[in-house]
Amino acid sequence: MSFPDPGRRAPVGLDAYLAPGPSSFTDFVTAHAPHLLPSAVPAGPAGGALEVPHGTTIVALVFSGGVVIAGDRRATQGNVIAQRDIEKVFVTDSHSAVGIAGSAGIALEMVRLFTVELEHYEKIEGTTLSLDGKANKLAAMVRANLGAAMQGFVVVPLFAGYDTEAPDPSKAGRIVTYDATGGRYDELLGYHAVGSGSVFAKSALKKRHRVDADLATTVRTAVEALYDAADDDSATGGPDLTRKLYPIVVSITGPEGAMRRPETEIAEVVAQVVAGRTENPGG
C-alpha cells in the first residue's frame, strides 16, 4: 500500500493555463505554484539563518548613447570564496538588463522570473512593457521577497534600461535602484553601484565618469571602478588573468539594444587597466 508524499505537489492542470486572467506570469505562479517563487525560502536549522553565497559588486553608468552595467565574478560565503566565475549581470529583454547583489540563489531566481515575466507580457499583450513598467515590476518582486530579507536573505538588484520612447535619445539611458523593501529610485547622477564594494566603486565613478562619454570610454570606466572595488573589498573579485575571468559588461543602446560585450573586448580593456595600475597602483 502506497501513501502520498506530503512534500510532493500536484502538477498544474491544463485548465489553469487556458483560463482567462491577467497578463502577469508572477500572478499566475502565485495562484497555482507559489512554492516556485523566489520568496519561498526555507529557514535554516532550528529557524536559524542559512549560510548562502552572496554576490557583489555591480556598477551602472549612463553615457551619451545609452547605459552600461557591469559586475565582478566573485561570490562569497562568509570568509570563503564560494564561486570565482559567477555571472551577476543579465540581459532581461531587448532594451534592459539587471545586475544582482545579495543572496545569490534568490537573486538568480528573481532575475530569471523577471525575464520570463517580460517575455510573457510581450506575448500576451503584443507589445513590450514600458521602461517604467519594467522597473515597477522588478520593485514588486523585490517587495515580495521582504519576508526572506527579514531572515537575512536580502536581494538588491540594479536595473538599467534604454527608454525607446524618450524624446531625447542622448538621455534615454536610465538606471533604477532598489532597497530591500521594494522601494525604487531613479538614479539621476548618471552612475550607481550596489554590493559590498559599492562605496569604493562609487568613489571611483564620481571622479572618472562623464555622461557625455562614448561607449568605449564608459566600458573602461566601469572596469576601472570594479578594479578599485576589488582593491579594497575582499568580497569583490578583481580580474583573474590566470583563469581568464573578466567582468561581465552589458551595453544598452538604441540601435543595438541590450548586448553583452564580447569577452575578447573586455579582456583587452582589462589588460590596459592592469598595465596602467602596474605603473600607477592608485589609478
C-alpha atoms as a PDB file:
ATOM      1  CA  MET A   1       0.000   0.000   0.000  1.00  0.00           C
ATOM      2  CA  SER A   2       1.449   3.369  -1.031  1.00  0.00           C
ATOM      3  CA  PHE A   3       0.926   6.669   0.693  1.00  0.00           C
ATOM      4  CA  PRO A   4       1.015  10.144  -0.905  1.00  0.00           C
ATOM      5  CA  ASP A   5       4.220  12.066  -0.467  1.00  0.00           C
ATOM      6  CA  PRO A   6       3.329  15.189   1.591  1.00  0.00           C
ATOM      7  CA  GLY A   7       6.278  17.094   0.098  1.00  0.00           C
ATOM      8  CA  ARG A   8       5.198  16.467  -3.472  1.00  0.00           C
ATOM      9  CA  ARG A   9       2.855  18.957  -5.093  1.00  0.00           C
ATOM     10  CA  ALA A  10       0.269  18.125  -7.713  1.00  0.00           C
ATOM     11  CA  PRO A  11       1.057  19.397 -11.222  1.00  0.00           C
ATOM     12  CA  VAL A  12      -0.800  22.425 -12.504  1.00  0.00           C
ATOM     13  CA  GLY A  13      -3.778  21.306 -14.585  1.00  0.00           C
ATOM     14  CA  LEU A  14      -4.351  22.328 -18.201  1.00  0.00           C
ATOM     15  CA  ASP A  15      -7.449  24.310 -17.226  1.00  0.00           C
ATOM     16  CA  ALA A  16      -5.269  26.723 -15.260  1.00  0.00           C
ATOM     17  CA  TYR A  17      -3.308  27.620 -18.398  1.00  0.00           C
ATOM     18  CA  LEU A  18      -6.415  28.084 -20.531  1.00  0.00           C
ATOM     19  CA  ALA A  19      -8.433  30.109 -18.020  1.00  0.00           C
ATOM     20  CA  PRO A  20      -8.635  33.873 -18.705  1.00  0.00           C
ATOM     21  CA  GLY A  21      -6.660  36.043 -16.323  1.00  0.00           C
ATOM     22  CA  PRO A  22      -4.106  38.851 -16.004  1.00  0.00           C
ATOM     23  CA  SER A  23      -1.022  39.063 -18.216  1.00  0.00           C
ATOM     24  CA  SER A  24       1.311  38.739 -15.228  1.00  0.00           C
ATOM     25  CA  PHE A  25       3.243  35.472 -15.127  1.00  0.00           C
ATOM     26  CA  THR A  26       4.111  36.143 -11.469  1.00  0.00           C
ATOM     27  CA  ASP A  27       0.411  36.327 -10.585  1.00  0.00           C
ATOM     28  CA  PHE A  28      -0.158  33.009 -12.371  1.00  0.00           C
ATOM     29  CA  VAL A  29       2.656  31.305 -10.452  1.00  0.00           C
ATOM     30  CA  THR A  30       1.435  32.842  -7.181  1.00  0.00           C
ATOM     31  CA  ALA A  31      -2.029  31.364  -7.727  1.00  0.00           C
ATOM     32  CA  HIS A  32      -1.050  27.900  -8.925  1.00  0.00           C
ATOM     33  CA  ALA A  33       2.515  27.151  -7.763  1.00  0.00           C
ATOM     34  CA  PRO A  34       3.564  29.602  -5.025  1.00  0.00           C
ATOM     35  CA  HIS A  35       6.342  27.271  -3.867  1.00  0.00           C
ATOM     36  CA  LEU A  36       8.260  28.108  -7.062  1.00  0.00           C
ATOM     37  CA  LEU A  37       8.540  31.819  -6.243  1.00  0.00           C
ATOM     38  CA  PRO A  38      11.930  33.175  -5.094  1.00  0.00           C
ATOM     39  CA  SER A  39      10.384  34.276  -1.768  1.00  0.00           C
ATOM     40  CA  ALA A  40       9.604  30.652  -0.803  1.00  0.00           C
ATOM     41  CA  VAL A  41      12.843  30.158   1.121  1.00  0.00           C
ATOM     42  CA  PRO A  42      13.154  27.588   3.913  1.00  0.00           C
ATOM     43  CA  ALA A  43      14.631  28.621   7.225  1.00  0.00           C
ATOM     44  CA  GLY A  44      17.913  27.208   8.433  1.00  0.00           C
ATOM     45  CA  PRO A  45      18.334  24.602  11.171  1.00  0.00           C
ATOM     46  CA  ALA A  46      16.153  25.456  14.170  1.00  0.00           C
ATOM     47  CA  GLY A  47      14.986  28.549  12.337  1.00  0.00           C
ATOM     48  CA  GLY A  48      18.491  29.979  12.095  1.00  0.00           C
ATOM     49  CA  ALA A  49      19.931  31.716   9.066  1.00  0.00           C
ATOM     50  CA  LEU A  50      21.431  29.620   6.283  1.00  0.00           C
ATOM     51  CA  GLU A  51      24.965  30.298   5.128  1.00  0.00           C
ATOM     52  CA  VAL A  52      24.457  31.033   1.436  1.00  0.00           C
ATOM     53  CA  PRO A  53      26.656  32.558  -1.274  1.00  0.00           C
ATOM     54  CA  HIS A  54      26.464  36.310  -1.778  1.00  0.00           C
ATOM     55  CA  GLY A  55      27.280  38.241  -4.940  1.00  0.00           C
ATOM     56  CA  THR A  56      28.879  41.656  -5.281  1.00  0.00           C
ATOM     57  CA  THR A  57      29.676  44.248  -6.887  1.00  0.00           C
ATOM     58  CA  ILE A  58      27.560  45.843  -9.673  1.00  0.00           C
ATOM     59  CA  VAL A  59      28.073  49.230 -11.351  1.00  0.00           C
ATOM     60  CA  ALA A  60      25.915  51.084 -13.900  1.00  0.00           C
ATOM     61  CA  LEU A  61      26.829  54.160 -15.927  1.00  0.00           C
ATOM     62  CA  VAL A  62      24.828  56.341 -18.279  1.00  0.00           C
ATOM     63  CA  PHE A  63      26.666  57.599 -21.378  1.00  0.00           C
ATOM     64  CA  SER A  64      25.795  59.590 -24.489  1.00  0.00           C
ATOM     65  CA  GLY A  65      24.429  56.560 -26.376  1.00  0.00           C
ATOM     66  CA  GLY A  66      22.653  54.692 -23.582  1.00  0.00           C
ATOM     67  CA  VAL A  67      23.766  52.874 -20.444  1.00  0.00           C
ATOM     68  CA  VAL A  68      26.371  50.289 -19.382  1.00  0.00           C
ATOM     69  CA  ILE A  69      26.023  47.829 -16.492  1.00  0.00           C
ATOM     70  CA  ALA A  70      28.867  45.605 -15.272  1.00  0.00           C
ATOM     71  CA  GLY A  71      29.669  43.204 -12.434  1.00  0.00           C
ATOM     72  CA  ASP A  72      32.580  41.289 -10.996  1.00  0.00           C
ATOM     73  CA  ARG A  73      32.676  37.477 -10.941  1.00  0.00           C
ATOM     74  CA  ARG A  74      33.136  36.560  -7.257  1.00  0.00           C
ATOM     75  CA  ALA A  75      30.576  35.052  -4.870  1.00  0.00           C
ATOM     76  CA  THR A  76      31.471  34.700  -1.199  1.00  0.00           C
ATOM     77  CA  GLN A  77      30.131  32.557   1.620  1.00  0.00           C
ATOM     78  CA  GLY A  78      31.348  34.065   4.855  1.00  0.00           C
ATOM     79  CA  ASN A  79      35.123  34.310   4.564  1.00  0.00           C
ATOM     80  CA  VAL A  80      35.246  31.703   1.772  1.00  0.00           C
ATOM     81  CA  ILE A  81      35.164  32.307  -1.978  1.00  0.00           C
ATOM     82  CA  ALA A  82      32.108  30.259  -2.977  1.00  0.00           C
ATOM     83  CA  GLN A  83      32.496  30.776  -6.722  1.00  0.00           C
ATOM     84  CA  ARG A  84      35.044  32.622  -8.836  1.00  0.00           C
ATOM     85  CA  ASP A  85      33.136  32.834 -12.109  1.00  0.00           C
ATOM     86  CA  ILE A  86      29.541  33.619 -11.121  1.00  0.00           C
ATOM     87  CA  GLU A  87      27.564  35.794 -13.523  1.00  0.00           C
ATOM     88  CA  LYS A  88      25.656  38.657 -11.910  1.00  0.00           C
ATOM     89  CA  VAL A  89      24.593  40.760 -14.915  1.00  0.00           C
ATOM     90  CA  PHE A  90      21.807  39.515 -17.175  1.00  0.00           C
ATOM     91  CA  VAL A  91      20.093  40.799 -20.304  1.00  0.00           C
ATOM     92  CA  THR A  92      16.377  40.683 -19.411  1.00  0.00           C
ATOM     93  CA  ASP A  93      14.876  41.851 -22.709  1.00  0.00           C
ATOM     94  CA  SER A  94      15.801  43.779 -25.853  1.00  0.00           C
ATOM     95  CA  HIS A  95      16.471  47.063 -24.009  1.00  0.00           C
ATOM     96  CA  SER A  96      17.062  46.229 -20.349  1.00  0.00           C
ATOM     97  CA  ALA A  97      19.447  44.372 -18.063  1.00  0.00           C
ATOM     98  CA  VAL A  98      19.686  43.617 -14.351  1.00  0.00           C
ATOM     99  CA  GLY A  99      22.670  43.215 -12.054  1.00  0.00           C
ATOM    100  CA  ILE A 100      22.231  41.351  -8.773  1.00  0.00           C
ATOM    101  CA  ALA A 101      23.794  41.712  -5.342  1.00  0.00           C
ATOM    102  CA  GLY A 102      22.900  39.904  -2.141  1.00  0.00           C
ATOM    103  CA  SER A 103      21.798  36.294  -1.604  1.00  0.00           C
ATOM    104  CA  ALA A 104      22.869  34.737  -4.884  1.00  0.00           C
ATOM    105  CA  GLY A 105      20.376  31.874  -5.119  1.00  0.00           C
ATOM    106  CA  ILE A 106      17.297  34.012  -4.546  1.00  0.00           C
ATOM    107  CA  ALA A 107      18.682  36.781  -6.743  1.00  0.00           C
ATOM    108  CA  LEU A 108      19.269  34.410  -9.666  1.00  0.00           C
ATOM    109  CA  GLU A 109      15.737  33.011  -9.402  1.00  0.00           C
ATOM    110  CA  MET A 110      14.318  36.512  -9.188  1.00  0.00           C
ATOM    111  CA  VAL A 111      16.065  37.740 -12.326  1.00  0.00           C
ATOM    112  CA  ARG A 112      15.062  34.595 -14.240  1.00  0.00           C
ATOM    113  CA  LEU A 113      11.439  35.064 -13.223  1.00  0.00           C
ATOM    114  CA  PHE A 114      11.663  38.753 -14.144  1.00  0.00           C
ATOM    115  CA  THR A 115      12.961  37.840 -17.607  1.00  0.00           C
ATOM    116  CA  VAL A 116      10.120  35.351 -18.133  1.00  0.00           C
ATOM    117  CA  GLU A 117       7.652  37.952 -16.847  1.00  0.00           C
ATOM    118  CA  LEU A 118       8.730  40.467 -19.506  1.00  0.00           C
ATOM    119  CA  GLU A 119       8.590  37.836 -22.247  1.00  0.00           C
ATOM    120  CA  HIS A 120       5.174  36.641 -21.060  1.00  0.00           C
ATOM    121  CA  TYR A 121       3.781  40.186 -21.048  1.00  0.00           C
ATOM    122  CA  GLU A 122       5.031  40.798 -24.585  1.00  0.00           C
ATOM    123  CA  LYS A 123       3.424  37.588 -25.861  1.00  0.00           C
ATOM    124  CA  ILE A 124       0.085  38.258 -24.147  1.00  0.00           C
ATOM    125  CA  GLU A 125      -0.197  41.991 -24.842  1.00  0.00           C
ATOM    126  CA  GLY A 126       1.584  42.094 -28.207  1.00  0.00           C
ATOM    127  CA  THR A 127       3.870  44.932 -27.099  1.00  0.00           C
ATOM    128  CA  THR A 128       6.807  45.396 -24.770  1.00  0.00           C
ATOM    129  CA  LEU A 129       6.345  46.802 -21.292  1.00  0.00           C
ATOM    130  CA  SER A 130       7.417  50.427 -20.864  1.00  0.00           C
ATOM    131  CA  LEU A 131      10.698  51.115 -19.065  1.00  0.00           C
ATOM    132  CA  ASP A 132       8.831  52.409 -16.011  1.00  0.00           C
ATOM    133  CA  GLY A 133       6.616  49.326 -16.131  1.00  0.00           C
ATOM    134  CA  LYS A 134       9.677  47.057 -16.101  1.00  0.00           C
ATOM    135  CA  ALA A 135      11.186  48.953 -13.162  1.00  0.00           C
ATOM    136  CA  ASN A 136       7.902  48.767 -11.232  1.00  0.00           C
ATOM    137  CA  LYS A 137       7.547  45.050 -11.951  1.00  0.00           C
ATOM    138  CA  LEU A 138      11.013  44.385 -10.531  1.00  0.00           C
ATOM    139  CA  ALA A 139      10.170  46.531  -7.483  1.00  0.00           C
ATOM    140  CA  ALA A 140       7.126  44.349  -6.792  1.00  0.00           C
ATOM    141  CA  MET A 141       9.271  41.220  -6.962  1.00  0.00           C
ATOM    142  CA  VAL A 142      11.818  42.672  -4.519  1.00  0.00           C
ATOM    143  CA  ARG A 143       8.950  43.638  -2.192  1.00  0.00           C
ATOM    144  CA  ALA A 144       7.597  40.066  -2.364  1.00  0.00           C
ATOM    145  CA  ASN A 145      10.957  38.889  -1.013  1.00  0.00           C
ATOM    146  CA  LEU A 146      10.653  41.052   2.119  1.00  0.00           C
ATOM    147  CA  GLY A 147       9.882  38.064   4.364  1.00  0.00           C
ATOM    148  CA  ALA A 148      13.087  36.325   3.271  1.00  0.00           C
ATOM    149  CA  ALA A 149      15.003  39.611   3.541  1.00  0.00           C
ATOM    150  CA  MET A 150      13.969  39.887   7.198  1.00  0.00           C
ATOM    151  CA  GLN A 151      15.608  36.476   7.705  1.00  0.00           C
ATOM    152  CA  GLY A 152      18.828  37.773   6.155  1.00  0.00           C
ATOM    153  CA  PHE A 153      18.300  36.721   2.535  1.00  0.00           C
ATOM    154  CA  VAL A 154      18.434  40.224   1.082  1.00  0.00           C
ATOM    155  CA  VAL A 155      18.390  40.808  -2.677  1.00  0.00           C
ATOM    156  CA  VAL A 156      19.280  44.238  -4.070  1.00  0.00           C
ATOM    157  CA  PRO A 157      19.095  44.413  -7.886  1.00  0.00           C
ATOM    158  CA  LEU A 158      20.339  47.229 -10.087  1.00  0.00           C
ATOM    159  CA  PHE A 159      18.197  47.867 -13.165  1.00  0.00           C
ATOM    160  CA  ALA A 160      19.492  49.520 -16.331  1.00  0.00           C
ATOM    161  CA  GLY A 161      17.489  50.214 -19.457  1.00  0.00           C
ATOM    162  CA  TYR A 162      17.135  52.269 -22.600  1.00  0.00           C
ATOM    163  CA  ASP A 163      13.880  54.193 -22.936  1.00  0.00           C
ATOM    164  CA  THR A 164      12.858  53.817 -26.582  1.00  0.00           C
ATOM    165  CA  GLU A 165      10.101  56.401 -26.024  1.00  0.00           C
ATOM    166  CA  ALA A 166      12.430  59.114 -24.722  1.00  0.00           C
ATOM    167  CA  PRO A 167      12.220  62.350 -26.755  1.00  0.00           C
ATOM    168  CA  ASP A 168      15.992  62.871 -26.476  1.00  0.00           C
ATOM    169  CA  PRO A 169      17.992  59.732 -27.421  1.00  0.00           C
ATOM    170  CA  SER A 170      21.099  61.113 -25.670  1.00  0.00           C
ATOM    171  CA  LYS A 171      19.184  60.920 -22.371  1.00  0.00           C
ATOM    172  CA  ALA A 172      17.399  57.606 -22.967  1.00  0.00           C
ATOM    173  CA  GLY A 173      19.753  55.546 -20.790  1.00  0.00           C
ATOM    174  CA  ARG A 174      18.362  55.114 -17.280  1.00  0.00           C
ATOM    175  CA  ILE A 175      19.406  53.498 -14.001  1.00  0.00           C
ATOM    176  CA  VAL A 176      16.944  52.412 -11.299  1.00  0.00           C
ATOM    177  CA  THR A 177      17.986  51.328  -7.811  1.00  0.00           C
ATOM    178  CA  TYR A 178      16.023  49.483  -5.106  1.00  0.00           C
ATOM    179  CA  ASP A 179      16.036  48.889  -1.383  1.00  0.00           C
ATOM    180  CA  ALA A 180      15.154  45.653   0.405  1.00  0.00           C
ATOM    181  CA  THR A 181      11.509  46.734   0.860  1.00  0.00           C
ATOM    182  CA  GLY A 182      10.966  47.150  -2.876  1.00  0.00           C
ATOM    183  CA  GLY A 183      11.333  50.921  -2.954  1.00  0.00           C
ATOM    184  CA  ARG A 184      12.546  52.078  -6.392  1.00  0.00           C
ATOM    185  CA  TYR A 185      14.613  55.165  -7.061  1.00  0.00           C
ATOM    186  CA  ASP A 186      15.693  56.725 -10.345  1.00  0.00           C
ATOM    187  CA  GLU A 187      19.402  57.483 -10.279  1.00  0.00           C
ATOM    188  CA  LEU A 188      19.819  60.977 -11.693  1.00  0.00           C
ATOM    189  CA  LEU A 189      23.593  61.421 -11.261  1.00  0.00           C
ATOM    190  CA  GLY A 190      24.300  59.087 -14.162  1.00  0.00           C
ATOM    191  CA  TYR A 191      26.028  56.329 -12.204  1.00  0.00           C
ATOM    192  CA  HIS A 192      25.413  53.965  -9.298  1.00  0.00           C
ATOM    193  CA  ALA A 193      26.787  50.830  -7.650  1.00  0.00           C
ATOM    194  CA  VAL A 194      25.424  48.139  -5.309  1.00  0.00           C
ATOM    195  CA  GLY A 195      27.062  45.430  -3.265  1.00  0.00           C
ATOM    196  CA  SER A 196      29.747  45.293  -0.612  1.00  0.00           C
ATOM    197  CA  GLY A 197      32.258  47.094  -2.813  1.00  0.00           C
ATOM    198  CA  SER A 198      29.816  49.791  -3.915  1.00  0.00           C
ATOM    199  CA  VAL A 199      31.262  52.537  -1.722  1.00  0.00           C
ATOM    200  CA  PHE A 200      34.672  52.141  -3.374  1.00  0.00           C
ATOM    201  CA  ALA A 201      33.211  51.746  -6.871  1.00  0.00           C
ATOM    202  CA  LYS A 202      31.090  54.889  -6.497  1.00  0.00           C
ATOM    203  CA  SER A 203      34.090  56.855  -5.283  1.00  0.00           C
ATOM    204  CA  ALA A 204      35.928  55.854  -8.460  1.00  0.00           C
ATOM    205  CA  LEU A 205      32.918  56.643 -10.677  1.00  0.00           C
ATOM    206  CA  LYS A 206      32.471  60.029  -9.036  1.00  0.00           C
ATOM    207  CA  LYS A 207      35.901  61.077 -10.309  1.00  0.00           C
ATOM    208  CA  ARG A 208      36.093  59.226 -13.636  1.00  0.00           C
ATOM    209  CA  HIS A 209      32.605  59.057 -15.098  1.00  0.00           C
ATOM    210  CA  ARG A 210      31.225  61.517 -17.678  1.00  0.00           C
ATOM    211  CA  VAL A 211      27.693  61.246 -19.032  1.00  0.00           C
ATOM    212  CA  ASP A 212      28.851  62.633 -22.403  1.00  0.00           C
ATOM    213  CA  ALA A 213      31.484  59.913 -22.858  1.00  0.00           C
ATOM    214  CA  ASP A 214      31.360  57.357 -25.673  1.00  0.00           C
ATOM    215  CA  LEU A 215      30.796  53.616 -25.231  1.00  0.00           C
ATOM    216  CA  ALA A 216      34.458  52.573 -25.215  1.00  0.00           C
ATOM    217  CA  THR A 217      35.351  55.140 -22.558  1.00  0.00           C
ATOM    218  CA  THR A 218      32.360  54.153 -20.425  1.00  0.00           C
ATOM    219  CA  VAL A 219      33.244  50.451 -20.569  1.00  0.00           C
ATOM    220  CA  ARG A 220      36.811  51.315 -19.489  1.00  0.00           C
ATOM    221  CA  THR A 221      35.446  53.428 -16.614  1.00  0.00           C
ATOM    222  CA  ALA A 222      33.209  50.559 -15.448  1.00  0.00           C
ATOM    223  CA  VAL A 223      36.159  48.141 -15.419  1.00  0.00           C
ATOM    224  CA  GLU A 224      38.286  50.700 -13.538  1.00  0.00           C
ATOM    225  CA  ALA A 225      35.562  51.111 -10.901  1.00  0.00           C
ATOM    226  CA  LEU A 226      35.301  47.350 -10.368  1.00  0.00           C
ATOM    227  CA  TYR A 227      39.097  47.159 -10.097  1.00  0.00           C
ATOM    228  CA  ASP A 228      39.032  49.827  -7.382  1.00  0.00           C
ATOM    229  CA  ALA A 229      36.255  47.986  -5.543  1.00  0.00           C
ATOM    230  CA  ALA A 230      38.231  44.724  -5.628  1.00  0.00           C
ATOM    231  CA  ASP A 231      41.325  46.546  -4.410  1.00  0.00           C
ATOM    232  CA  ASP A 232      39.619  47.488  -1.114  1.00  0.00           C
ATOM    233  CA  ASP A 233      36.778  44.964  -0.709  1.00  0.00           C
ATOM    234  CA  SER A 234      37.666  41.301  -0.216  1.00  0.00           C
ATOM    235  CA  ALA A 235      34.193  40.158  -1.366  1.00  0.00           C
ATOM    236  CA  THR A 236      34.686  41.737  -4.798  1.00  0.00           C
ATOM    237  CA  GLY A 237      36.773  39.801  -7.271  1.00  0.00           C
ATOM    238  CA  GLY A 238      39.324  41.555  -9.431  1.00  0.00           C
ATOM    239  CA  PRO A 239      40.169  40.455 -12.979  1.00  0.00           C
ATOM    240  CA  ASP A 240      41.756  36.999 -12.908  1.00  0.00           C
ATOM    241  CA  LEU A 241      44.296  36.934 -15.727  1.00  0.00           C
ATOM    242  CA  THR A 242      45.459  33.407 -14.859  1.00  0.00           C
ATOM    243  CA  ARG A 243      41.978  31.884 -15.208  1.00  0.00           C
ATOM    244  CA  LYS A 244      40.901  34.434 -17.835  1.00  0.00           C
ATOM    245  CA  LEU A 245      37.947  35.616 -15.736  1.00  0.00           C
ATOM    246  CA  TYR A 246      36.856  39.134 -16.575  1.00  0.00           C
ATOM    247  CA  PRO A 247      33.924  41.333 -15.540  1.00  0.00           C
ATOM    248  CA  ILE A 248      30.577  40.852 -17.271  1.00  0.00           C
ATOM    249  CA  VAL A 249      29.690  44.041 -19.152  1.00  0.00           C
ATOM    250  CA  VAL A 250      26.375  44.753 -20.901  1.00  0.00           C
ATOM    251  CA  SER A 251      25.728  47.839 -23.014  1.00  0.00           C
ATOM    252  CA  ILE A 252      22.216  49.031 -23.873  1.00  0.00           C
ATOM    253  CA  THR A 253      21.768  51.434 -26.786  1.00  0.00           C
ATOM    254  CA  GLY A 254      19.033  52.342 -29.223  1.00  0.00           C
ATOM    255  CA  PRO A 255      20.495  50.718 -32.362  1.00  0.00           C
ATOM    256  CA  GLU A 256      21.967  47.557 -30.741  1.00  0.00           C
ATOM    257  CA  GLY A 257      19.635  47.122 -27.786  1.00  0.00           C
ATOM    258  CA  ALA A 258      20.954  45.166 -24.804  1.00  0.00           C
ATOM    259  CA  MET A 259      24.195  43.429 -25.735  1.00  0.00           C
ATOM    260  CA  ARG A 260      26.745  41.574 -23.664  1.00  0.00           C
ATOM    261  CA  ARG A 261      30.157  42.868 -24.668  1.00  0.00           C
ATOM    262  CA  PRO A 262      32.418  40.160 -26.152  1.00  0.00           C
ATOM    263  CA  GLU A 263      34.932  38.591 -23.790  1.00  0.00           C
ATOM    264  CA  THR A 264      37.789  39.438 -26.161  1.00  0.00           C
ATOM    265  CA  GLU A 265      36.857  43.124 -25.944  1.00  0.00           C
ATOM    266  CA  ILE A 266      36.705  43.099 -22.133  1.00  0.00           C
ATOM    267  CA  ALA A 267      39.971  41.123 -21.944  1.00  0.00           C
ATOM    268  CA  GLU A 268      41.690  43.874 -23.932  1.00  0.00           C
ATOM    269  CA  VAL A 269      40.262  46.583 -21.675  1.00  0.00           C
ATOM    270  CA  VAL A 270      41.313  44.641 -18.567  1.00  0.00           C
ATOM    271  CA  ALA A 271      44.849  44.251 -19.935  1.00  0.00           C
ATOM    272  CA  GLN A 272      45.061  48.027 -20.429  1.00  0.00           C
ATOM    273  CA  VAL A 273      43.748  48.716 -16.921  1.00  0.00           C
ATOM    274  CA  VAL A 274      46.122  46.234 -15.278  1.00  0.00           C
ATOM    275  CA  ALA A 275      49.073  47.650 -17.242  1.00  0.00           C
ATOM    276  CA  GLY A 276      48.136  51.153 -16.115  1.00  0.00           C
ATOM    277  CA  ARG A 277      47.821  50.081 -12.480  1.00  0.00           C
ATOM    278  CA  THR A 278      51.208  48.372 -12.672  1.00  0.00           C
ATOM    279  CA  GLU A 279      52.756  51.768 -13.370  1.00  0.00           C
ATOM    280  CA  ASN A 280      50.417  53.676 -11.044  1.00  0.00           C
ATOM    281  CA  PRO A 281      48.690  51.443  -8.451  1.00  0.00           C
ATOM    282  CA  GLY A 282      46.499  54.317  -7.284  1.00  0.00           C
ATOM    283  CA  GLY A 283      44.949  54.712 -10.719  1.00  0.00           C
END
